[in-house]
PDB file of N, CA and C in Angstrom:
ATOM      1  N   MET A   1     177.341 103.133  88.698  1.00  0.00           N
ATOM      2  CA  MET A   1     177.144 104.151  87.671  1.00  0.00           C
ATOM      3  C   MET A   1     177.389 105.529  88.284  1.00  0.00           C
ATOM      4  N   ALA A   2     178.053 106.403  87.554  1.00  0.00           N
ATOM      5  CA  ALA A   2     178.371 107.751  88.047  1.00  0.00           C
ATOM      6  C   ALA A   2     177.125 108.613  88.088  1.00  0.00           C
ATOM      7  N   ASP A   3     177.143 109.587  89.005  1.00  0.00           N
ATOM      8  CA  ASP A   3     176.034 110.535  89.079  1.00  0.00           C
ATOM      9  C   ASP A   3     175.926 111.301  87.772  1.00  0.00           C
ATOM     10  N   LYS A   4     174.689 111.607  87.396  1.00  0.00           N
ATOM     11  CA  LYS A   4     174.467 112.442  86.217  1.00  0.00           C
ATOM     12  C   LYS A   4     174.872 113.876  86.569  1.00  0.00           C
ATOM     13  N   LEU A   5     175.610 114.526  85.689  1.00  0.00           N
ATOM     14  CA  LEU A   5     176.020 115.912  85.923  1.00  0.00           C
ATOM     15  C   LEU A   5     175.039 116.866  85.259  1.00  0.00           C
ATOM     16  N   ILE A   6     174.764 117.969  85.956  1.00  0.00           N
ATOM     17  CA  ILE A   6     173.895 119.006  85.408  1.00  0.00           C
ATOM     18  C   ILE A   6     174.673 120.317  85.316  1.00  0.00           C
ATOM     19  N   ASP A   7     174.317 121.141  84.336  1.00  0.00           N
ATOM     20  CA  ASP A   7     174.926 122.462  84.188  1.00  0.00           C
ATOM     21  C   ASP A   7     174.132 123.465  85.004  1.00  0.00           C
ATOM     22  N   VAL A   8     174.833 124.212  85.856  1.00  0.00           N
ATOM     23  CA  VAL A   8     174.216 125.291  86.635  1.00  0.00           C
ATOM     24  C   VAL A   8     175.166 126.485  86.625  1.00  0.00           C
ATOM     25  N   GLU A   9     174.627 127.646  86.962  1.00  0.00           N
ATOM     26  CA  GLU A   9     175.433 128.857  87.076  1.00  0.00           C
ATOM     27  C   GLU A   9     175.264 129.429  88.470  1.00  0.00           C
ATOM     28  N   VAL A  10     176.317 130.088  88.943  1.00  0.00           N
ATOM     29  CA  VAL A  10     176.250 130.827  90.206  1.00  0.00           C
ATOM     30  C   VAL A  10     176.672 132.257  89.883  1.00  0.00           C
ATOM     31  N   ALA A  11     175.832 133.221  90.248  1.00  0.00           N
ATOM     32  CA  ALA A  11     176.083 134.620  89.908  1.00  0.00           C
ATOM     33  C   ALA A  11     176.176 135.471  91.164  1.00  0.00           C
ATOM     34  N   TYR A  12     177.063 136.480  91.080  1.00  0.00           N
ATOM     35  CA  TYR A  12     177.180 137.491  92.132  1.00  0.00           C
ATOM     36  C   TYR A  12     177.446 138.817  91.450  1.00  0.00           C
ATOM     37  N   ALA A  13     176.747 139.845  91.876  1.00  0.00           N
ATOM     38  CA  ALA A  13     176.923 141.155  91.250  1.00  0.00           C
ATOM     39  C   ALA A  13     177.136 142.228  92.297  1.00  0.00           C
ATOM     40  N   LYS A  14     178.085 143.106  91.982  1.00  0.00           N
ATOM     41  CA  LYS A  14     178.304 144.331  92.737  1.00  0.00           C
ATOM     42  C   LYS A  14     177.958 145.455  91.771  1.00  0.00           C
ATOM     43  N   PRO A  15     177.810 146.684  92.244  1.00  0.00           N
ATOM     44  CA  PRO A  15     177.428 147.763  91.325  1.00  0.00           C
ATOM     45  C   PRO A  15     178.364 147.881  90.118  1.00  0.00           C
ATOM     46  N   GLU A  16     179.647 147.600  90.312  1.00  0.00           N
ATOM     47  CA  GLU A  16     180.614 147.798  89.234  1.00  0.00           C
ATOM     48  C   GLU A  16     181.061 146.500  88.569  1.00  0.00           C
ATOM     49  N   GLN A  17     180.558 145.361  89.026  1.00  0.00           N
ATOM     50  CA  GLN A  17     181.063 144.092  88.515  1.00  0.00           C
ATOM     51  C   GLN A  17     180.023 142.990  88.679  1.00  0.00           C
ATOM     52  N   GLN A  18     179.944 142.124  87.664  1.00  0.00           N
ATOM     53  CA  GLN A  18     179.078 140.948  87.736  1.00  0.00           C
ATOM     54  C   GLN A  18     179.900 139.737  87.346  1.00  0.00           C
ATOM     55  N   VAL A  19     179.795 138.666  88.129  1.00  0.00           N
ATOM     56  CA  VAL A  19     180.527 137.444  87.845  1.00  0.00           C
ATOM     57  C   VAL A  19     179.534 136.282  87.792  1.00  0.00           C
ATOM     58  N   ILE A  20     179.638 135.479  86.733  1.00  0.00           N
ATOM     59  CA  ILE A  20     178.820 134.274  86.609  1.00  0.00           C
ATOM     60  C   ILE A  20     179.775 133.100  86.400  1.00  0.00           C
ATOM     61  N   VAL A  21     179.667 132.108  87.267  1.00  0.00           N
ATOM     62  CA  VAL A  21     180.502 130.914  87.188  1.00  0.00           C
ATOM     63  C   VAL A  21     179.623 129.758  86.719  1.00  0.00           C
ATOM     64  N   THR A  22     180.034 129.089  85.664  1.00  0.00           N
ATOM     65  CA  THR A  22     179.308 127.929  85.151  1.00  0.00           C
ATOM     66  C   THR A  22     179.936 126.667  85.725  1.00  0.00           C
ATOM     67  N   LEU A  23     179.082 125.779  86.232  1.00  0.00           N
ATOM     68  CA  LEU A  23     179.556 124.549  86.881  1.00  0.00           C
ATOM     69  C   LEU A  23     178.838 123.332  86.323  1.00  0.00           C
ATOM     70  N   LYS A  24     179.501 122.204  86.375  1.00  0.00           N
ATOM     71  CA  LYS A  24     178.869 120.896  86.151  1.00  0.00           C
ATOM     72  C   LYS A  24     178.851 120.232  87.518  1.00  0.00           C
ATOM     73  N   MET A  25     177.650 119.976  88.029  1.00  0.00           N
ATOM     74  CA  MET A  25     177.499 119.437  89.376  1.00  0.00           C
ATOM     75  C   MET A  25     176.655 118.168  89.312  1.00  0.00           C
ATOM     76  N   PRO A  26     176.824 117.276  90.303  1.00  0.00           N
ATOM     77  CA  PRO A  26     175.998 116.073  90.334  1.00  0.00           C
ATOM     78  C   PRO A  26     174.525 116.421  90.533  1.00  0.00           C
ATOM     79  N   GLU A  27     173.659 115.666  89.903  1.00  0.00           N
ATOM     80  CA  GLU A  27     172.220 115.836  90.091  1.00  0.00           C
ATOM     81  C   GLU A  27     171.921 115.748  91.587  1.00  0.00           C
ATOM     82  N   GLY A  28     171.057 116.623  92.095  1.00  0.00           N
ATOM     83  CA  GLY A  28     170.736 116.649  93.521  1.00  0.00           C
ATOM     84  C   GLY A  28     171.562 117.654  94.307  1.00  0.00           C
ATOM     85  N   THR A  29     172.493 118.338  93.641  1.00  0.00           N
ATOM     86  CA  THR A  29     173.294 119.371  94.297  1.00  0.00           C
ATOM     87  C   THR A  29     172.375 120.470  94.816  1.00  0.00           C
ATOM     88  N   THR A  30     172.687 120.996  95.998  1.00  0.00           N
ATOM     89  CA  THR A  30     171.882 122.067  96.581  1.00  0.00           C
ATOM     90  C   THR A  30     172.453 123.433  96.196  1.00  0.00           C
ATOM     91  N   VAL A  31     171.664 124.461  96.446  1.00  0.00           N
ATOM     92  CA  VAL A  31     172.092 125.838  96.216  1.00  0.00           C
ATOM     93  C   VAL A  31     173.393 126.107  96.971  1.00  0.00           C
ATOM     94  N   GLU A  32     173.438 125.731  98.236  1.00  0.00           N
ATOM     95  CA  GLU A  32     174.628 125.981  99.054  1.00  0.00           C
ATOM     96  C   GLU A  32     175.853 125.254  98.497  1.00  0.00           C
ATOM     97  N   GLN A  33     175.698 124.024  98.084  1.00  0.00           N
ATOM     98  CA  GLN A  33     176.828 123.266  97.529  1.00  0.00           C
ATOM     99  C   GLN A  33     177.364 123.928  96.263  1.00  0.00           C
ATOM    100  N   ALA A  34     176.471 124.424  95.418  1.00  0.00           N
ATOM    101  CA  ALA A  34     176.898 125.097  94.186  1.00  0.00           C
ATOM    102  C   ALA A  34     177.635 126.394  94.511  1.00  0.00           C
ATOM    103  N   ILE A  35     177.140 127.144  95.499  1.00  0.00           N
ATOM    104  CA  ILE A  35     177.807 128.392  95.898  1.00  0.00           C
ATOM    105  C   ILE A  35     179.220 128.083  96.394  1.00  0.00           C
ATOM    106  N   LEU A  36     179.354 127.071  97.235  1.00  0.00           N
ATOM    107  CA  LEU A  36     180.676 126.706  97.753  1.00  0.00           C
ATOM    108  C   LEU A  36     181.603 126.265  96.618  1.00  0.00           C
ATOM    109  N   ALA A  37     181.085 125.476  95.677  1.00  0.00           N
ATOM    110  CA  ALA A  37     181.893 124.976  94.564  1.00  0.00           C
ATOM    111  C   ALA A  37     182.308 126.095  93.602  1.00  0.00           C
ATOM    112  N   SER A  38     181.535 127.180  93.569  1.00  0.00           N
ATOM    113  CA  SER A  38     181.818 128.268  92.625  1.00  0.00           C
ATOM    114  C   SER A  38     183.085 129.039  92.962  1.00  0.00           C
ATOM    115  N   GLY A  39     183.488 129.018  94.238  1.00  0.00           N
ATOM    116  CA  GLY A  39     184.656 129.784  94.672  1.00  0.00           C
ATOM    117  C   GLY A  39     184.373 131.258  94.902  1.00  0.00           C
ATOM    118  N   LEU A  40     183.120 131.671  94.748  1.00  0.00           N
ATOM    119  CA  LEU A  40     182.792 133.092  94.896  1.00  0.00           C
ATOM    120  C   LEU A  40     182.917 133.593  96.333  1.00  0.00           C
ATOM    121  N   LEU A  41     182.727 132.706  97.314  1.00  0.00           N
ATOM    122  CA  LEU A  41     182.865 133.144  98.711  1.00  0.00           C
ATOM    123  C   LEU A  41     184.303 133.555  99.022  1.00  0.00           C
ATOM    124  N   SER A  42     185.280 132.871  98.448  1.00  0.00           N
ATOM    125  CA  SER A  42     186.666 133.261  98.692  1.00  0.00           C
ATOM    126  C   SER A  42     187.083 134.413  97.778  1.00  0.00           C
ATOM    127  N   ARG A  43     186.492 134.491  96.605  1.00  0.00           N
ATOM    128  CA  ARG A  43     186.829 135.573  95.671  1.00  0.00           C
ATOM    129  C   ARG A  43     186.283 136.919  96.151  1.00  0.00           C
ATOM    130  N   PHE A  44     185.138 136.879  96.830  1.00  0.00           N
ATOM    131  CA  PHE A  44     184.500 138.101  97.347  1.00  0.00           C
ATOM    132  C   PHE A  44     184.308 137.952  98.853  1.00  0.00           C
ATOM    133  N   PRO A  45     185.318 138.316  99.644  1.00  0.00           N
ATOM    134  CA  PRO A  45     185.232 138.111 101.096  1.00  0.00           C
ATOM    135  C   PRO A  45     184.108 138.901 101.766  1.00  0.00           C
ATOM    136  N   GLU A  46     183.563 139.897 101.076  1.00  0.00           N
ATOM    137  CA  GLU A  46     182.466 140.661 101.680  1.00  0.00           C
ATOM    138  C   GLU A  46     181.167 139.865 101.758  1.00  0.00           C
ATOM    139  N   ILE A  47     181.085 138.739 101.034  1.00  0.00           N
ATOM    140  CA  ILE A  47     179.893 137.889 101.127  1.00  0.00           C
ATOM    141  C   ILE A  47     179.929 137.198 102.482  1.00  0.00           C
ATOM    142  N   ASP A  48     178.857 137.369 103.247  1.00  0.00           N
ATOM    143  CA  ASP A  48     178.781 136.789 104.592  1.00  0.00           C
ATOM    144  C   ASP A  48     178.259 135.358 104.483  1.00  0.00           C
ATOM    145  N   GLY A  49     179.155 134.391 104.556  1.00  0.00           N
ATOM    146  CA  GLY A  49     178.762 132.991 104.449  1.00  0.00           C
ATOM    147  C   GLY A  49     177.819 132.553 105.551  1.00  0.00           C
ATOM    148  N   ALA A  50     177.867 133.229 106.698  1.00  0.00           N
ATOM    149  CA  ALA A  50     177.008 132.866 107.827  1.00  0.00           C
ATOM    150  C   ALA A  50     175.579 133.369 107.632  1.00  0.00           C
ATOM    151  N   ASP A  51     175.412 134.425 106.850  1.00  0.00           N
ATOM    152  CA  ASP A  51     174.076 135.005 106.633  1.00  0.00           C
ATOM    153  C   ASP A  51     173.799 135.085 105.133  1.00  0.00           C
ATOM    154  N   LEU A  52     174.020 133.979 104.454  1.00  0.00           N
ATOM    155  CA  LEU A  52     173.926 133.915 103.007  1.00  0.00           C
ATOM    156  C   LEU A  52     172.473 133.945 102.547  1.00  0.00           C
ATOM    157  N   LYS A  53     172.184 134.835 101.618  1.00  0.00           N
ATOM    158  CA  LYS A  53     170.853 134.904 100.998  1.00  0.00           C
ATOM    159  C   LYS A  53     171.042 134.613  99.514  1.00  0.00           C
ATOM    160  N   ALA A  54     170.198 133.737  98.984  1.00  0.00           N
ATOM    161  CA  ALA A  54     170.346 133.356  97.580  1.00  0.00           C
ATOM    162  C   ALA A  54     168.984 133.095  96.968  1.00  0.00           C
ATOM    163  N   GLY A  55     168.986 133.037  95.646  1.00  0.00           N
ATOM    164  CA  GLY A  55     167.773 132.739  94.914  1.00  0.00           C
ATOM    165  C   GLY A  55     168.099 132.029  93.623  1.00  0.00           C
ATOM    166  N   ILE A  56     167.060 131.568  92.963  1.00  0.00           N
ATOM    167  CA  ILE A  56     167.192 130.952  91.651  1.00  0.00           C
ATOM    168  C   ILE A  56     166.359 131.784  90.698  1.00  0.00           C
ATOM    169  N   PHE A  57     167.021 132.355  89.691  1.00  0.00           N
ATOM    170  CA  PHE A  57     166.364 133.215  88.698  1.00  0.00           C
ATOM    171  C   PHE A  57     165.477 134.279  89.353  1.00  0.00           C
ATOM    172  N   GLY A  58     165.986 134.944  90.391  1.00  0.00           N
ATOM    173  CA  GLY A  58     165.289 136.072  90.993  1.00  0.00           C
ATOM    174  C   GLY A  58     164.283 135.725  92.066  1.00  0.00           C
ATOM    175  N   SER A  59     164.097 134.444  92.363  1.00  0.00           N
ATOM    176  CA  SER A  59     163.177 134.045  93.422  1.00  0.00           C
ATOM    177  C   SER A  59     163.976 133.519  94.604  1.00  0.00           C
ATOM    178  N   VAL A  60     163.808 134.152  95.757  1.00  0.00           N
ATOM    179  CA  VAL A  60     164.534 133.742  96.952  1.00  0.00           C
ATOM    180  C   VAL A  60     164.227 132.280  97.255  1.00  0.00           C
ATOM    181  N   CYS A  61     165.256 131.542  97.653  1.00  0.00           N
ATOM    182  CA  CYS A  61     165.062 130.132  97.974  1.00  0.00           C
ATOM    183  C   CYS A  61     165.926 129.750  99.173  1.00  0.00           C
ATOM    184  N   ARG A  62     165.685 128.564  99.677  1.00  0.00           N
ATOM    185  CA  ARG A  62     166.473 128.042 100.790  1.00  0.00           C
ATOM    186  C   ARG A  62     167.787 127.505 100.253  1.00  0.00           C
ATOM    187  N   LEU A  63     168.795 127.478 101.106  1.00  0.00           N
ATOM    188  CA  LEU A  63     170.102 126.987 100.692  1.00  0.00           C
ATOM    189  C   LEU A  63     170.114 125.482 100.447  1.00  0.00           C
ATOM    190  N   ASP A  64     169.137 124.758 101.013  1.00  0.00           N
ATOM    191  CA  ASP A  64     169.081 123.312 100.797  1.00  0.00           C
ATOM    192  C   ASP A  64     168.199 122.928  99.604  1.00  0.00           C
ATOM    193  N   GLN A  65     167.782 123.926  98.836  1.00  0.00           N
ATOM    194  CA  GLN A  65     166.968 123.686  97.632  1.00  0.00           C
ATOM    195  C   GLN A  65     167.811 122.925  96.602  1.00  0.00           C
ATOM    196  N   PRO A  66     167.326 121.770  96.107  1.00  0.00           N
ATOM    197  CA  PRO A  66     168.072 121.062  95.062  1.00  0.00           C
ATOM    198  C   PRO A  66     167.967 121.817  93.730  1.00  0.00           C
ATOM    199  N   LEU A  67     169.035 121.758  92.961  1.00  0.00           N
ATOM    200  CA  LEU A  67     169.080 122.458  91.681  1.00  0.00           C
ATOM    201  C   LEU A  67     168.631 121.554  90.541  1.00  0.00           C
ATOM    202  N   ARG A  68     168.133 122.199  89.485  1.00  0.00           N
ATOM    203  CA  ARG A  68     167.748 121.487  88.263  1.00  0.00           C
ATOM    204  C   ARG A  68     168.646 121.957  87.127  1.00  0.00           C
ATOM    205  N   ILE A  69     168.638 121.225  86.062  1.00  0.00           N
ATOM    206  CA  ILE A  69     169.459 121.565  84.893  1.00  0.00           C
ATOM    207  C   ILE A  69     169.195 123.007  84.473  1.00  0.00           C
ATOM    208  N   GLY A  70     170.277 123.769  84.295  1.00  0.00           N
ATOM    209  CA  GLY A  70     170.172 125.134  83.793  1.00  0.00           C
ATOM    210  C   GLY A  70     169.839 126.198  84.820  1.00  0.00           C
ATOM    211  N   ASP A  71     169.670 125.832  86.100  1.00  0.00           N
ATOM    212  CA  ASP A  71     169.358 126.841  87.123  1.00  0.00           C
ATOM    213  C   ASP A  71     170.512 127.838  87.263  1.00  0.00           C
ATOM    214  N   ARG A  72     170.141 129.086  87.541  1.00  0.00           N
ATOM    215  CA  ARG A  72     171.137 130.115  87.858  1.00  0.00           C
ATOM    216  C   ARG A  72     170.919 130.543  89.306  1.00  0.00           C
ATOM    217  N   VAL A  73     171.889 130.241  90.147  1.00  0.00           N
ATOM    218  CA  VAL A  73     171.852 130.630  91.559  1.00  0.00           C
ATOM    219  C   VAL A  73     172.384 132.055  91.644  1.00  0.00           C
ATOM    220  N   GLU A  74     171.665 132.909  92.338  1.00  0.00           N
ATOM    221  CA  GLU A  74     172.092 134.293  92.519  1.00  0.00           C
ATOM    222  C   GLU A  74     172.374 134.529  93.999  1.00  0.00           C
ATOM    223  N   ILE A  75     173.564 135.020  94.279  1.00  0.00           N
ATOM    224  CA  ILE A  75     173.931 135.363  95.658  1.00  0.00           C
ATOM    225  C   ILE A  75     173.528 136.815  95.876  1.00  0.00           C
ATOM    226  N   TYR A  76     172.701 137.051  96.875  1.00  0.00           N
ATOM    227  CA  TYR A  76     172.209 138.406  97.140  1.00  0.00           C
ATOM    228  C   TYR A  76     173.070 139.085  98.186  1.00  0.00           C
ATOM    229  N   ARG A  77     173.284 140.375  97.989  1.00  0.00           N
ATOM    230  CA  ARG A  77     174.018 141.162  98.974  1.00  0.00           C
ATOM    231  C   ARG A  77     173.023 142.092  99.665  1.00  0.00           C
ATOM    232  N   PRO A  78     173.357 142.556 100.866  1.00  0.00           N
ATOM    233  CA  PRO A  78     172.437 143.442 101.583  1.00  0.00           C
ATOM    234  C   PRO A  78     172.226 144.747 100.800  1.00  0.00           C
ATOM    235  N   LEU A  79     171.038 145.296 100.921  1.00  0.00           N
ATOM    236  CA  LEU A  79     170.764 146.578 100.280  1.00  0.00           C
ATOM    237  C   LEU A  79     171.571 147.665 100.961  1.00  0.00           C
ATOM    238  N   ILE A  80     172.125 148.556 100.164  1.00  0.00           N
ATOM    239  CA  ILE A  80     172.895 149.671 100.714  1.00  0.00           C
ATOM    240  C   ILE A  80     171.940 150.732 101.254  1.00  0.00           C
ATOM    241  N   HIS A  81     170.855 150.962 100.532  1.00  0.00           N
ATOM    242  CA  HIS A  81     169.854 151.956 100.928  1.00  0.00           C
ATOM    243  C   HIS A  81     168.484 151.299 100.958  1.00  0.00           C
ATOM    244  N   ASP A  82     167.679 151.707 101.907  1.00  0.00           N
ATOM    245  CA  ASP A  82     166.307 151.243 101.963  1.00  0.00           C
ATOM    246  C   ASP A  82     165.551 151.885 100.799  1.00  0.00           C
ATOM    247  N   PRO A  83     164.955 151.098  99.900  1.00  0.00           N
ATOM    248  CA  PRO A  83     164.276 151.672  98.728  1.00  0.00           C
ATOM    249  C   PRO A  83     163.170 152.666  99.088  1.00  0.00           C
ATOM    250  N   LYS A  84     162.426 152.393 100.160  1.00  0.00           N
ATOM    251  CA  LYS A  84     161.351 153.312 100.565  1.00  0.00           C
ATOM    252  C   LYS A  84     161.931 154.656 100.997  1.00  0.00           C
ATOM    253  N   GLU A  85     163.013 154.603 101.769  1.00  0.00           N
ATOM    254  CA  GLU A  85     163.647 155.836 102.232  1.00  0.00           C
ATOM    255  C   GLU A  85     164.239 156.611 101.057  1.00  0.00           C
ATOM    256  N   ALA A  86     164.826 155.919 100.105  1.00  0.00           N
ATOM    257  CA  ALA A  86     165.400 156.582  98.929  1.00  0.00           C
ATOM    258  C   ALA A  86     164.310 157.307  98.132  1.00  0.00           C
ATOM    259  N   ARG A  87     163.137 156.692  97.989  1.00  0.00           N
ATOM    260  CA  ARG A  87     162.012 157.346  97.291  1.00  0.00           C
ATOM    261  C   ARG A  87     161.563 158.587  98.049  1.00  0.00           C
ATOM    262  N   ARG A  88     161.475 158.475  99.375  1.00  0.00           N
ATOM    263  CA  ARG A  88     161.084 159.641 100.189  1.00  0.00           C
ATOM    264  C   ARG A  88     162.054 160.799  99.989  1.00  0.00           C
ATOM    265  N   GLN A  89     163.346 160.479  99.989  1.00  0.00           N
ATOM    266  CA  GLN A  89     164.363 161.534  99.814  1.00  0.00           C
ATOM    267  C   GLN A  89     164.265 162.169  98.434  1.00  0.00           C
ATOM    268  N   ARG A  90     164.043 161.376  97.403  1.00  0.00           N
ATOM    269  CA  ARG A  90     163.897 161.944  96.054  1.00  0.00           C
ATOM    270  C   ARG A  90     162.656 162.828  95.965  1.00  0.00           C
ATOM    271  N   ALA A  91     161.559 162.401  96.579  1.00  0.00           N
ATOM    272  CA  ALA A  91     160.331 163.180  96.555  1.00  0.00           C
ATOM    273  C   ALA A  91     160.496 164.492  97.323  1.00  0.00           C
ATOM    274  N   ALA A  92     161.256 164.451  98.406  1.00  0.00           N
ATOM    275  CA  ALA A  92     161.468 165.657  99.214  1.00  0.00           C
ATOM    276  C   ALA A  92     162.296 166.700  98.471  1.00  0.00           C
ATOM    277  N   LYS A  93     163.141 166.267  97.539  1.00  0.00           N
ATOM    278  CA  LYS A  93     163.974 167.193  96.780  1.00  0.00           C
ATOM    279  C   LYS A  93     163.196 167.955  95.720  1.00  0.00           C
ATOM    280  N   ARG A  94     162.023 167.456  95.356  1.00  0.00           N
ATOM    281  CA  ARG A  94     161.227 168.110  94.306  1.00  0.00           C
ATOM    282  C   ARG A  94     160.524 169.336  94.783  1.00  0.00           C
TER     283      ARG A  94
END
């Protein structure tokens, strides 16, 4: 019998662009497998595959986390500015 397929999404966002790829993957697929299948690593070479950070619906998770039906995997990019430092700079301007 064939593996049951589940619908999942893989999302990546830059300040000027957001991409969501919808996939049908075998039940038991991991976060990392879905990211690789999405093609986003080759589409966005700035994503560091060696230091990949991801989450499901905004909660950071491990790359070996199995996915469930309807999960949305989010690929996180490094912060450009430290949020605490940005607040300090805004407060100093007042």
